[in-house]
Protein backbone atom coordinates (compact mmCIF):
# COMPACT_ATOMS: atom_id res chain seq x y z
CA MET A 1 63.11 89.49 126.44
CA ASP A 2 64.07 85.85 125.85
CA SER A 3 67.58 84.57 126.41
CA ASP A 4 68.29 84.04 122.70
CA ALA A 5 67.52 87.67 121.91
CA GLN A 6 69.67 88.86 124.83
CA THR A 7 72.55 86.69 123.62
CA LEU A 8 72.36 88.35 120.19
CA ILE A 9 72.33 91.79 121.80
CA ASP A 10 75.33 90.91 123.97
CA ALA A 11 77.21 89.54 120.94
CA GLY A 12 76.50 92.74 119.06
CA ARG A 13 77.79 94.81 122.00
CA LEU A 14 81.04 92.86 122.06
CA ILE A 15 81.55 93.42 118.33
CA GLN A 16 80.79 97.12 118.81
CA TRP A 17 83.45 97.41 121.53
CA ALA A 18 85.99 95.59 119.39
CA LEU A 19 85.34 97.97 116.49
CA ARG A 20 86.27 100.99 118.61
CA PRO A 21 90.00 101.59 118.04
CA HIS A 22 91.11 102.91 121.42
CA VAL A 23 88.84 101.01 123.83
CA ARG A 24 90.46 98.44 126.11
CA PRO A 25 88.79 95.71 128.20
CA ALA A 26 90.98 96.68 131.15
CA THR A 27 89.33 100.11 131.30
CA THR A 28 85.81 99.17 130.11
CA SER A 29 84.00 96.72 132.40
CA ASP A 30 81.27 95.81 129.90
CA TYR A 31 83.88 94.96 127.26
CA GLN A 32 85.84 92.90 129.78
CA GLN A 33 82.77 90.92 130.90
CA LEU A 34 81.69 90.21 127.33
CA LEU A 35 85.23 89.25 126.33
CA ASP A 36 85.48 86.84 129.28
CA ARG A 37 82.19 85.30 128.20
CA TYR A 38 83.41 84.99 124.61
CA ARG A 39 86.63 83.29 125.68
CA GLY A 40 85.01 80.97 128.21
CA TYR A 41 81.57 80.05 126.84
CA VAL A 42 81.45 78.25 123.49
CA PRO A 43 77.80 78.99 122.51
CA PHE A 44 78.35 82.72 122.99
CA ARG A 45 81.62 82.51 121.08
CA GLU A 46 79.88 80.78 118.16
CA CYS A 47 77.15 83.44 118.17
CA VAL A 48 79.72 86.26 117.96
CA GLN A 49 81.59 84.46 115.17
CA ALA A 50 78.39 83.92 113.19
CA ILE A 51 77.46 87.60 113.36
CA CYS A 52 80.97 88.60 112.32
CA THR A 53 80.75 86.23 109.35
CA GLY A 54 77.49 87.85 108.29
CA LEU A 55 79.08 91.29 108.52
CA GLY A 56 82.09 90.21 106.45
CA ILE A 57 84.42 90.46 109.44
CA GLU A 58 87.16 88.03 110.47
CA ILE A 59 88.30 87.71 114.08
CA SER A 60 92.07 87.87 113.53
CA ALA A 61 93.12 87.50 117.15
CA GLU A 62 91.85 87.46 120.70
CA GLY A 63 93.56 88.12 123.99
CA PRO A 64 93.43 90.12 127.20
CA GLN A 65 93.64 93.28 125.11
CA GLY A 66 90.43 92.41 123.26
CA LEU A 67 89.33 91.12 119.88
CA VAL A 68 91.07 92.14 116.67
CA LEU A 69 88.56 92.39 113.84
CA ALA A 70 89.62 92.47 110.18
CA PRO A 71 86.91 93.44 107.66
CA GLY A 72 86.87 91.60 104.34
CA ASN A 73 87.11 93.55 101.08
CA ASP A 74 83.33 93.43 100.59
CA SER A 75 82.46 94.37 104.17
CA VAL A 76 80.77 97.69 104.93
CA PHE A 77 83.50 98.19 107.56
CA ALA A 78 86.37 97.85 105.07
CA MET A 79 88.54 100.89 104.39
CA GLY A 80 88.81 101.66 100.70
CA THR A 81 91.35 103.82 98.91
CA ASP A 82 88.91 106.74 98.94
CA ASP A 83 88.62 106.45 102.72
CA TYR A 84 92.39 106.62 103.08
CA ARG A 85 92.84 109.39 100.53
CA ARG A 86 89.85 111.38 99.30
CA SER A 87 91.87 113.36 96.77
CA GLY A 88 95.13 112.83 94.95
CA SER A 89 96.60 111.30 91.84
CA ALA A 90 97.02 107.66 90.87
CA ASP A 91 100.71 108.04 91.74
CA ASP A 92 99.76 109.25 95.22
CA ARG A 93 97.76 106.08 95.79
CA LEU A 94 100.58 103.87 94.52
CA ILE A 95 103.01 105.61 96.87
CA ASP A 96 100.56 105.30 99.77
CA GLY A 97 100.44 101.54 99.29
CA LEU A 98 104.21 101.21 99.01
CA ILE A 99 104.67 103.27 102.17
CA LEU A 100 102.41 100.97 104.17
CA VAL A 101 104.47 97.97 103.04
CA GLY A 102 107.67 99.90 103.81
CA ILE A 103 106.46 100.57 107.35
CA ILE A 104 105.92 96.84 107.92
CA ALA A 105 109.32 95.95 106.47
CA THR A 106 110.99 98.56 108.68
CA MET A 107 109.15 97.57 111.86
CA TYR A 108 109.69 93.86 111.25
CA PRO A 109 113.04 93.58 109.41
CA ARG A 110 113.11 89.77 109.75
CA PRO A 111 110.26 87.33 109.00
CA GLU A 112 110.53 85.84 112.50
CA ASP A 113 109.94 89.28 114.03
CA LEU A 114 106.36 89.22 112.83
CA GLU A 115 105.81 85.83 114.48
CA GLY A 116 107.21 86.99 117.82
CA ASP A 117 105.20 87.69 120.96
CA PRO A 118 103.03 90.71 120.11
CA ASP A 119 102.95 91.72 123.78
CA LEU A 120 106.68 92.42 123.70
CA ALA A 121 107.40 96.02 122.76
CA ARG A 122 109.29 96.40 119.52
CA PRO A 123 111.89 99.12 118.95
CA PRO A 124 110.22 102.32 117.71
CA ILE A 125 110.93 103.58 114.22
CA THR A 126 110.90 107.00 112.61
CA VAL A 127 109.59 108.51 109.40
CA GLU A 128 113.17 108.88 108.22
CA GLU A 129 113.89 105.18 108.73
CA VAL A 130 110.95 104.23 106.54
CA GLU A 131 112.16 106.72 103.94
CA LYS A 132 115.58 105.08 104.00
CA THR A 133 114.03 101.62 103.58
CA LEU A 134 112.03 102.72 100.55
CA ARG A 135 114.85 104.69 98.91
CA THR A 136 117.11 101.65 99.27
CA LEU A 137 114.36 99.50 97.76
CA CYS A 138 114.08 101.89 94.81
CA GLU A 139 117.86 101.75 94.25
CA HIS A 140 117.84 97.95 94.19
CA LEU A 141 114.89 97.82 91.82
CA GLU A 142 116.49 100.44 89.59
CA GLU A 143 119.59 98.27 89.32
CA ALA A 144 117.50 95.17 88.64
CA SER A 145 115.50 96.95 85.92
CA GLN A 146 118.69 97.68 84.00
CA LYS A 147 119.50 94.00 83.78
CA GLN A 148 117.65 91.17 82.09
CA PRO A 149 115.34 89.94 84.86
CA ASP A 150 114.92 86.24 85.40
CA PRO A 151 111.44 84.76 86.02
CA ALA A 152 112.01 84.57 89.78
CA ALA A 153 112.94 88.25 89.94
CA GLN A 154 109.92 89.19 87.83
CA GLU A 155 107.63 87.31 90.21
CA LEU A 156 109.27 88.94 93.21
CA THR A 157 108.76 92.48 91.92
CA ALA A 158 105.23 91.92 90.56
CA GLY A 159 102.99 94.68 91.87
CA LEU A 160 105.92 96.87 92.93
CA ASP A 161 107.06 98.14 89.54
CA GLU A 162 104.77 101.14 89.12
CA ALA A 163 104.85 102.01 92.81
CA TRP A 164 108.63 102.17 93.20
CA ARG A 165 109.03 104.26 90.07
CA SER A 166 106.47 106.74 91.40
CA TYR A 167 108.26 106.83 94.75
CA ARG A 168 111.67 107.26 93.12
CA ASP A 169 110.47 110.29 91.18
CA ARG A 170 108.90 111.99 94.22
CA VAL A 171 111.08 114.30 96.30
CA ALA A 172 111.61 113.47 99.96
CA THR A 173 111.10 117.00 101.22
CA LYS A 174 110.44 120.48 99.88
CA THR A 175 109.53 123.87 101.33
CA THR A 176 107.02 126.34 99.97
CA SER A 177 107.75 130.00 99.25
CA ASN A 178 106.74 130.91 102.81
CA GLY A 179 109.16 128.38 104.29
CA ARG A 180 106.63 125.71 105.25
CA ALA A 181 107.05 122.02 104.48
CA ALA A 182 105.26 121.16 101.24
CA THR A 183 102.63 118.45 101.05
CA GLY A 184 102.95 115.51 98.67
CA THR A 185 106.58 114.77 99.49
CA THR A 186 107.50 111.24 100.54
CA LEU A 187 108.38 112.26 104.11
CA GLN A 188 105.05 114.03 104.47
CA MET A 189 103.21 111.01 103.05
CA ILE A 190 104.98 108.63 105.45
CA SER A 191 104.07 110.91 108.35
CA ARG A 192 100.48 110.93 107.14
CA ALA A 193 100.48 107.12 107.01
CA PHE A 194 101.66 106.95 110.61
CA ASP A 195 98.95 109.42 111.65
CA THR A 196 96.31 107.19 110.04
CA LEU A 197 97.71 104.06 111.70
CA LYS A 198 97.74 105.88 115.05
CA GLN A 199 94.12 106.91 114.56
CA HIS A 200 93.19 103.24 114.11
CA ASP A 201 95.25 102.11 117.13
CA CYS A 202 97.83 100.33 114.99
CA VAL A 203 100.79 102.32 116.32
CA THR A 204 101.61 104.40 119.36
CA MET A 205 103.75 107.52 119.17
CA THR A 206 106.48 108.74 121.47
CA THR A 207 108.84 111.70 121.16
CA ARG A 208 112.59 111.53 121.71
CA ASN A 209 114.83 114.56 121.17
CA ASN A 210 111.92 116.32 119.44
CA GLN A 211 111.63 113.43 116.97
CA LYS A 212 108.44 111.41 116.61
CA MET A 213 108.87 107.66 116.94
CA TYR A 214 106.29 104.96 116.29
CA ARG A 215 105.83 101.52 117.83
CA PRO A 216 103.40 98.84 116.55
CA THR A 217 100.54 97.71 118.77
CA TRP A 218 99.42 94.17 119.52
CA LYS A 219 96.42 94.79 117.26
CA TYR A 220 98.60 95.87 114.32
CA GLN A 221 100.83 92.81 114.50
CA ALA A 222 97.75 90.56 114.50
CA MET A 223 96.24 92.37 111.51
CA ILE A 224 99.32 92.27 109.27
CA ARG A 225 99.84 88.54 109.64
CA ASP A 226 97.53 88.25 106.63
CA GLU A 227 99.19 85.97 104.06
CA GLY A 228 99.12 88.48 101.21
CA ILE A 229 100.62 91.26 103.31
CA THR A 230 103.40 89.12 104.77
CA ARG A 231 104.28 87.77 101.31
CA LEU A 232 104.71 91.29 99.94
CA ALA A 233 106.71 92.40 102.98
CA SER A 234 108.93 89.33 102.56
CA ALA A 235 109.50 90.27 98.91
CA VAL A 236 110.62 93.72 100.01
CA ARG A 237 112.99 92.23 102.61
CA GLU A 238 114.49 89.93 99.97
CA LEU A 239 114.99 92.82 97.58
CA LEU A 240 116.73 94.71 100.38
CA GLY A 241 119.04 91.77 100.92
CA GLU A 242 117.54 90.60 104.22
CA LYS A 243 117.85 86.92 105.02
């Protein structure tokens, strides 16, 4: 096998390792060797980047913990709404999206938090804290909707209008006739969002006093620095009165 073919194979192996959510270079020697080669040898780096471009993947970040890959909307690796939720109403999907933004706004309450060192552990948050963030957001938007909005306010809330109304009208918790927690409540949907993020190595979970708490990973912070995501999270912070 010639060296060019082997380089392509090695580049493909590195991309494959990076696509596996819970694999770390520190515990996988092949990943570590390929990562070192990527970071220290420009021709190999350019080969990996070219293959990622062809696959519709962006390399969002690199570091000792590996490569963070972000699929584009048209990439075969992209997660669509049907992948996140295979069944449910249009309101469910609107609430799902709002919850994901609410998680970011709760984890990173100030814009500068998102730009901080991702290797520094952030305080963990709970499902209930995200619920509080989103209920407060709904209250502020409810108040704003009863007034004549100015153009700046309209721009700020663009894309949130339908979602917050759906969230406002959904109960936080409910039990079934047999005493079990009902599905489709906002607390259950937030918990489900955290489970999905954990599955993709975006958060880690700890338990304190029988309460689940979630902390963002280095990978998650790199992924959500996308301009569109940070702009929406900033809009939520502004609506909540954060400076």
